[in-house]
Amino acid sequence: MAESDFDAALEPVARRMERVKLPASFLRELLREGAEIQLGETAMRWAGMPNKNERAALTEALDALAAAGFLEPTGKETWKVVRSGE
């Protein structure tokens, strides 16, 4: 099966995501075109009370999605979704 653009974007951070139990499905659900993602709120939704390692892993995953053109940084710890994860 061919690797999707979404999966390819997360490949560099896949091991880190696995270690902190950050599911790709959670990130895929965030990717609704036009939505804004705020790190703090998103980390709370995912991990409840995230520790610094979990926040860092989430930041790396969101940055990887931005580098692949799924997100556009809009400020400190905020991104706008420009492409869905489908």
N, C-alpha and C. Protein backbone atom coordinates (compact mmCIF):
# COMPACT_ATOMS: atom_id res chain seq x y z
N MET A 1 0.85 -1.19 0.00
CA MET A 1 0.00 0.00 0.00
C MET A 1 0.89 1.24 0.00
N ALA A 2 0.55 2.20 -0.81
CA ALA A 2 1.34 3.42 -0.92
C ALA A 2 1.18 4.26 0.34
N GLU A 3 2.28 4.85 0.75
CA GLU A 3 2.27 5.71 1.93
C GLU A 3 1.59 7.03 1.58
N SER A 4 0.69 7.48 2.45
CA SER A 4 0.00 8.75 2.20
C SER A 4 0.94 9.92 2.51
N ASP A 5 0.60 11.09 1.97
CA ASP A 5 1.37 12.30 2.28
C ASP A 5 1.37 12.56 3.78
N PHE A 6 0.24 12.30 4.41
CA PHE A 6 0.11 12.51 5.86
C PHE A 6 1.10 11.62 6.61
N ASP A 7 1.10 10.32 6.28
CA ASP A 7 2.01 9.38 6.94
C ASP A 7 3.47 9.74 6.67
N ALA A 8 3.75 10.13 5.43
CA ALA A 8 5.12 10.52 5.07
C ALA A 8 5.56 11.74 5.86
N ALA A 9 4.65 12.69 6.08
CA ALA A 9 4.98 13.90 6.84
C ALA A 9 5.36 13.56 8.28
N LEU A 10 4.70 12.57 8.85
CA LEU A 10 4.95 12.21 10.25
C LEU A 10 6.09 11.20 10.43
N GLU A 11 6.57 10.64 9.35
CA GLU A 11 7.62 9.62 9.44
C GLU A 11 8.83 10.07 10.27
N PRO A 12 9.33 11.30 10.10
CA PRO A 12 10.50 11.71 10.89
C PRO A 12 10.25 11.76 12.40
N VAL A 13 9.01 11.89 12.82
CA VAL A 13 8.70 11.98 14.25
C VAL A 13 7.91 10.77 14.76
N ALA A 14 7.79 9.75 13.94
CA ALA A 14 6.96 8.58 14.28
C ALA A 14 7.43 7.89 15.56
N ARG A 15 8.73 7.70 15.73
CA ARG A 15 9.23 7.03 16.93
C ARG A 15 8.94 7.85 18.19
N ARG A 16 9.14 9.14 18.09
CA ARG A 16 8.86 10.01 19.25
C ARG A 16 7.37 9.95 19.59
N MET A 17 6.52 10.00 18.57
CA MET A 17 5.08 9.91 18.80
C MET A 17 4.72 8.58 19.47
N GLU A 18 5.35 7.51 19.02
CA GLU A 18 5.10 6.19 19.58
C GLU A 18 5.49 6.14 21.06
N ARG A 19 6.63 6.74 21.39
CA ARG A 19 7.11 6.72 22.78
C ARG A 19 6.16 7.46 23.73
N VAL A 20 5.55 8.55 23.25
CA VAL A 20 4.65 9.30 24.13
C VAL A 20 3.18 8.93 23.91
N LYS A 21 2.97 7.93 23.05
CA LYS A 21 1.62 7.43 22.76
C LYS A 21 0.71 8.49 22.14
N LEU A 22 1.28 9.24 21.18
CA LEU A 22 0.52 10.24 20.43
C LEU A 22 0.05 9.58 19.14
N PRO A 23 -1.25 9.27 19.05
CA PRO A 23 -1.73 8.57 17.85
C PRO A 23 -1.85 9.49 16.63
N ALA A 24 -1.42 8.97 15.50
CA ALA A 24 -1.56 9.72 14.24
C ALA A 24 -3.02 10.03 13.97
N SER A 25 -3.91 9.14 14.40
CA SER A 25 -5.35 9.37 14.18
C SER A 25 -5.83 10.64 14.88
N PHE A 26 -5.27 10.95 16.06
CA PHE A 26 -5.62 12.18 16.76
C PHE A 26 -5.22 13.39 15.91
N LEU A 27 -4.00 13.35 15.36
CA LEU A 27 -3.53 14.46 14.53
C LEU A 27 -4.36 14.58 13.25
N ARG A 28 -4.70 13.45 12.65
CA ARG A 28 -5.49 13.46 11.42
C ARG A 28 -6.85 14.15 11.67
N GLU A 29 -7.45 13.88 12.82
CA GLU A 29 -8.74 14.49 13.16
C GLU A 29 -8.65 16.01 13.32
N LEU A 30 -7.48 16.51 13.67
CA LEU A 30 -7.29 17.95 13.82
C LEU A 30 -7.30 18.69 12.48
N LEU A 31 -6.99 17.97 11.41
CA LEU A 31 -6.78 18.59 10.10
C LEU A 31 -8.10 18.84 9.36
N ARG A 32 -8.82 19.84 9.79
CA ARG A 32 -10.04 20.29 9.13
C ARG A 32 -9.73 21.66 8.55
N GLU A 33 -9.79 21.76 7.22
CA GLU A 33 -9.37 23.00 6.54
C GLU A 33 -10.00 24.23 7.17
N GLY A 34 -9.15 25.22 7.43
CA GLY A 34 -9.58 26.49 8.01
C GLY A 34 -9.55 26.52 9.52
N ALA A 35 -9.42 25.35 10.17
CA ALA A 35 -9.39 25.31 11.63
C ALA A 35 -8.07 25.87 12.15
N GLU A 36 -8.10 26.37 13.38
CA GLU A 36 -6.88 26.84 14.03
C GLU A 36 -6.52 25.85 15.12
N ILE A 37 -5.25 25.54 15.20
CA ILE A 37 -4.75 24.63 16.23
C ILE A 37 -3.88 25.43 17.17
N GLN A 38 -4.20 25.35 18.45
CA GLN A 38 -3.43 26.04 19.49
C GLN A 38 -2.77 24.95 20.33
N LEU A 39 -1.47 25.02 20.49
CA LEU A 39 -0.72 23.95 21.15
C LEU A 39 -1.26 23.59 22.53
N GLY A 40 -1.44 24.57 23.39
CA GLY A 40 -1.88 24.30 24.75
C GLY A 40 -3.21 23.57 24.81
N GLU A 41 -4.19 24.07 24.09
CA GLU A 41 -5.52 23.46 24.07
C GLU A 41 -5.47 22.05 23.48
N THR A 42 -4.71 21.89 22.40
CA THR A 42 -4.61 20.60 21.74
C THR A 42 -3.90 19.58 22.63
N ALA A 43 -2.87 20.01 23.32
CA ALA A 43 -2.15 19.12 24.24
C ALA A 43 -3.08 18.68 25.38
N MET A 44 -3.89 19.59 25.87
CA MET A 44 -4.85 19.24 26.94
C MET A 44 -5.87 18.22 26.43
N ARG A 45 -6.36 18.40 25.21
CA ARG A 45 -7.33 17.45 24.63
C ARG A 45 -6.71 16.07 24.50
N TRP A 46 -5.43 16.02 24.12
CA TRP A 46 -4.78 14.74 23.89
C TRP A 46 -4.34 14.09 25.19
N ALA A 47 -3.62 14.81 26.04
CA ALA A 47 -2.95 14.20 27.19
C ALA A 47 -3.52 14.59 28.54
N GLY A 48 -4.55 15.40 28.58
CA GLY A 48 -5.08 15.84 29.86
C GLY A 48 -4.19 16.90 30.46
N MET A 49 -3.25 16.50 31.27
CA MET A 49 -2.25 17.42 31.84
C MET A 49 -0.89 17.04 31.24
N PRO A 50 -0.58 17.59 30.08
CA PRO A 50 0.64 17.17 29.39
C PRO A 50 1.91 17.61 30.11
N ASN A 51 2.90 16.72 30.10
CA ASN A 51 4.20 17.11 30.64
C ASN A 51 5.02 17.75 29.52
N LYS A 52 6.20 18.24 29.85
CA LYS A 52 6.98 18.96 28.84
C LYS A 52 7.40 18.06 27.69
N ASN A 53 7.63 16.78 27.95
CA ASN A 53 7.99 15.84 26.90
C ASN A 53 6.82 15.64 25.92
N GLU A 54 5.61 15.51 26.45
CA GLU A 54 4.43 15.35 25.60
C GLU A 54 4.18 16.61 24.77
N ARG A 55 4.30 17.77 25.39
CA ARG A 55 4.14 19.03 24.64
C ARG A 55 5.18 19.16 23.53
N ALA A 56 6.41 18.77 23.83
CA ALA A 56 7.49 18.85 22.84
C ALA A 56 7.22 17.90 21.68
N ALA A 57 6.77 16.69 21.97
CA ALA A 57 6.47 15.72 20.92
C ALA A 57 5.32 16.22 20.04
N LEU A 58 4.30 16.80 20.66
CA LEU A 58 3.18 17.34 19.90
C LEU A 58 3.64 18.50 19.02
N THR A 59 4.49 19.36 19.57
CA THR A 59 5.04 20.48 18.79
C THR A 59 5.81 19.96 17.58
N GLU A 60 6.65 18.94 17.79
CA GLU A 60 7.42 18.37 16.68
C GLU A 60 6.50 17.79 15.60
N ALA A 61 5.44 17.11 16.02
CA ALA A 61 4.51 16.53 15.05
C ALA A 61 3.78 17.63 14.26
N LEU A 62 3.36 18.68 14.96
CA LEU A 62 2.67 19.78 14.27
C LEU A 62 3.64 20.52 13.34
N ASP A 63 4.88 20.68 13.75
CA ASP A 63 5.88 21.31 12.89
C ASP A 63 6.15 20.45 11.65
N ALA A 64 6.16 19.13 11.82
CA ALA A 64 6.36 18.23 10.68
C ALA A 64 5.19 18.36 9.70
N LEU A 65 3.98 18.48 10.22
CA LEU A 65 2.81 18.66 9.35
C LEU A 65 2.86 20.02 8.65
N ALA A 66 3.39 21.02 9.34
CA ALA A 66 3.54 22.34 8.72
C ALA A 66 4.57 22.28 7.59
N ALA A 67 5.66 21.60 7.83
CA ALA A 67 6.71 21.47 6.80
C ALA A 67 6.19 20.75 5.57
N ALA A 68 5.21 19.87 5.75
CA ALA A 68 4.64 19.11 4.63
C ALA A 68 3.46 19.83 3.97
N GLY A 69 3.12 21.03 4.46
CA GLY A 69 2.07 21.81 3.83
C GLY A 69 0.66 21.57 4.34
N PHE A 70 0.52 20.85 5.45
CA PHE A 70 -0.81 20.63 6.03
C PHE A 70 -1.21 21.80 6.92
N LEU A 71 -0.24 22.41 7.57
CA LEU A 71 -0.48 23.51 8.50
C LEU A 71 0.35 24.72 8.09
N GLU A 72 -0.13 25.89 8.52
CA GLU A 72 0.62 27.13 8.31
C GLU A 72 0.77 27.79 9.68
N PRO A 73 1.99 28.04 10.13
CA PRO A 73 2.16 28.72 11.41
C PRO A 73 1.52 30.11 11.37
N THR A 74 0.78 30.45 12.42
CA THR A 74 0.12 31.75 12.47
C THR A 74 0.58 32.59 13.65
N GLY A 75 1.43 32.03 14.47
CA GLY A 75 1.93 32.74 15.64
C GLY A 75 2.66 31.76 16.52
N LYS A 76 2.99 32.20 17.70
CA LYS A 76 3.68 31.31 18.63
C LYS A 76 2.72 30.22 19.11
N GLU A 77 3.06 28.98 18.80
CA GLU A 77 2.28 27.80 19.21
C GLU A 77 0.88 27.77 18.62
N THR A 78 0.69 28.37 17.45
CA THR A 78 -0.60 28.28 16.75
C THR A 78 -0.36 28.01 15.26
N TRP A 79 -1.28 27.25 14.68
CA TRP A 79 -1.21 26.89 13.28
C TRP A 79 -2.62 26.95 12.68
N LYS A 80 -2.69 27.23 11.40
CA LYS A 80 -3.95 27.18 10.66
C LYS A 80 -3.88 25.97 9.73
N VAL A 81 -4.96 25.19 9.69
CA VAL A 81 -5.01 24.02 8.81
C VAL A 81 -5.28 24.50 7.39
N VAL A 82 -4.38 24.14 6.47
CA VAL A 82 -4.54 24.53 5.06
C VAL A 82 -4.84 23.34 4.17
N ARG A 83 -4.72 22.14 4.72
CA ARG A 83 -4.96 20.93 3.93
C ARG A 83 -5.39 19.81 4.87
N SER A 84 -6.43 19.08 4.51
CA SER A 84 -6.91 18.00 5.37
C SER A 84 -5.97 16.81 5.32
N GLY A 85 -6.12 15.92 6.25
CA GLY A 85 -5.26 14.74 6.33
C GLY A 85 -5.80 13.53 5.61
N GLU A 86 -6.81 13.72 4.81
CA GLU A 86 -7.40 12.58 4.07
C GLU A 86 -6.54 12.15 2.92
